[in-house]
């Protein structure tokens, strides 16, 4: 079965795993999903991720992060740019999610980055999703 939107699949799997308090979630691996996972790890929204070779496409095993009370660090994760409607924003138009408390994940010519990193590097691109 062909997957037309691997980013939406990844975000839905993470959203569902958080909802039932799973420790780990398996996602079909792709370069863009690995980039998103790297940004989530760098920004502190997930514990870690590993790429597992299964002889085919591969699997990303994402370890989710919870606080001391058992509440997930990820409250909301929303897909912005979709295959039917791509949304590109310049660096000065990037959103400040929750007044800077959340992040926007952006696909740029320098790779997948958070909105903060885009502002520092002064690069713009396609806004993939927001995380709060």
Protein backbone atom coordinates (compact mmCIF):
# COMPACT_ATOMS: atom_id res chain seq x y z
CA UNK A 1 0.00 0.00 0.00
CA UNK A 2 1.35 3.38 -1.01
CA UNK A 3 1.31 6.15 1.57
CA UNK A 4 0.51 9.52 0.01
CA UNK A 5 1.32 11.70 3.05
CA UNK A 6 3.98 10.23 5.37
CA UNK A 7 4.12 13.40 7.49
CA UNK A 8 0.40 13.27 8.34
CA UNK A 9 0.78 9.55 9.10
CA UNK A 10 3.68 10.28 11.46
CA UNK A 11 1.84 13.06 13.28
CA UNK A 12 -1.31 10.93 13.62
CA UNK A 13 0.66 8.00 15.04
CA UNK A 14 2.34 10.29 17.58
CA UNK A 15 -1.00 11.92 18.47
CA UNK A 16 -2.65 8.51 18.99
CA UNK A 17 0.27 7.16 21.05
CA UNK A 18 0.21 10.22 23.31
CA UNK A 19 -3.52 9.83 23.79
CA UNK A 20 -3.11 6.30 25.19
CA UNK A 21 0.15 7.06 27.08
CA UNK A 22 2.39 4.73 25.05
CA UNK A 23 6.13 4.91 25.70
CA UNK A 24 7.15 4.28 22.08
CA UNK A 25 5.60 4.53 18.64
CA UNK A 26 6.75 2.96 15.35
CA UNK A 27 6.59 5.06 12.20
CA UNK A 28 7.45 4.21 8.59
CA UNK A 29 10.85 5.77 7.98
CA UNK A 30 11.54 8.50 5.46
CA UNK A 31 14.07 11.31 5.34
CA UNK A 32 11.47 13.99 6.07
CA UNK A 33 10.06 12.04 9.04
CA UNK A 34 13.56 11.54 10.38
CA UNK A 35 14.16 15.29 10.08
CA UNK A 36 10.94 16.05 11.98
CA UNK A 37 11.92 13.57 14.70
CA UNK A 38 15.35 15.21 14.98
CA UNK A 39 13.74 18.63 15.47
CA UNK A 40 11.31 17.22 18.06
CA UNK A 41 14.25 15.69 19.95
CA UNK A 42 16.36 18.86 19.75
CA UNK A 43 13.46 20.98 21.04
CA UNK A 44 12.71 18.53 23.89
CA UNK A 45 9.34 17.15 22.76
CA UNK A 46 10.50 13.52 22.51
CA UNK A 47 13.13 11.51 24.39
CA UNK A 48 14.84 9.87 21.43
CA UNK A 49 14.34 8.13 18.09
CA UNK A 50 16.08 5.25 16.32
CA UNK A 51 16.03 4.14 12.71
CA UNK A 52 15.55 0.37 12.51
CA UNK A 53 16.37 -1.46 9.29
CA UNK A 54 13.67 -4.00 8.45
CA UNK A 55 14.96 -4.91 4.98
CA UNK A 56 12.39 -2.64 3.31
CA UNK A 57 11.69 1.01 3.97
CA UNK A 58 12.77 0.98 7.60
CA UNK A 59 11.06 2.00 10.82
CA UNK A 60 11.54 5.01 13.07
CA UNK A 61 11.00 4.08 16.72
CA UNK A 62 10.15 7.28 18.58
CA UNK A 63 10.35 7.33 22.40
CA UNK A 64 7.80 9.80 23.74
CA UNK A 65 8.45 12.13 26.66
CA UNK A 66 6.25 12.57 29.72
CA UNK A 67 6.59 14.77 32.82
CA UNK A 68 6.63 13.56 36.42
CA UNK A 69 2.83 13.55 36.60
CA UNK A 70 2.55 11.35 33.52
CA UNK A 71 1.36 14.18 31.25
CA UNK A 72 2.74 14.23 27.74
CA UNK A 73 5.11 17.03 26.76
CA UNK A 74 3.27 17.20 23.41
CA UNK A 75 -0.16 18.77 23.98
CA UNK A 76 -1.09 19.41 20.37
CA UNK A 77 0.55 18.58 17.05
CA UNK A 78 -1.11 19.96 13.91
CA UNK A 79 -0.34 19.51 10.20
CA UNK A 80 -0.26 22.87 8.38
CA UNK A 81 0.99 22.35 4.81
CA UNK A 82 -0.75 19.48 3.04
CA UNK A 83 -0.20 17.74 -0.32
CA UNK A 84 -3.20 19.57 -1.80
CA UNK A 85 -2.20 22.96 -0.42
CA UNK A 86 1.44 23.76 0.26
CA UNK A 87 2.11 26.75 2.52
CA UNK A 88 5.41 28.59 2.13
CA UNK A 89 6.26 31.48 4.44
CA UNK A 90 9.13 33.94 4.54
CA UNK A 91 11.24 34.08 7.68
CA UNK A 92 9.53 37.25 8.96
CA UNK A 93 6.05 35.68 8.54
CA UNK A 94 6.78 32.44 10.47
CA UNK A 95 4.24 32.00 13.27
CA UNK A 96 5.06 32.29 16.96
CA UNK A 97 3.22 29.23 18.29
CA UNK A 98 1.71 29.93 21.73
CA UNK A 99 3.71 33.15 21.93
CA UNK A 100 7.00 31.28 21.61
CA UNK A 101 6.12 28.39 23.93
CA UNK A 102 5.54 26.01 20.99
CA UNK A 103 7.39 25.47 17.72
CA UNK A 104 6.66 25.38 14.02
CA UNK A 105 8.60 22.81 11.99
CA UNK A 106 9.76 24.13 8.62
CA UNK A 107 11.26 22.35 5.62
CA UNK A 108 13.98 24.60 4.21
CA UNK A 109 16.78 24.36 1.66
CA UNK A 110 19.09 23.66 4.63
CA UNK A 111 16.96 20.78 5.92
CA UNK A 112 14.11 20.46 8.41
CA UNK A 113 14.36 23.12 11.11
CA UNK A 114 12.34 24.70 13.90
CA UNK A 115 11.02 28.24 13.47
CA UNK A 116 13.61 29.51 15.97
CA UNK A 117 16.46 27.98 13.96
CA UNK A 118 15.01 29.47 10.76
CA UNK A 119 15.00 32.94 12.29
CA UNK A 120 18.61 32.54 13.46
CA UNK A 121 19.77 31.27 10.04
CA UNK A 122 17.45 33.71 8.18
CA UNK A 123 15.97 30.98 5.94
CA UNK A 124 12.35 30.39 4.98
CA UNK A 125 10.45 27.45 3.53
CA UNK A 126 7.39 25.24 3.76
CA UNK A 127 5.76 25.13 7.18
CA UNK A 128 5.03 21.47 7.88
CA UNK A 129 3.40 21.45 11.32
CA UNK A 130 3.10 23.17 14.69
CA UNK A 131 3.76 21.57 18.07
CA UNK A 132 2.70 22.86 21.46
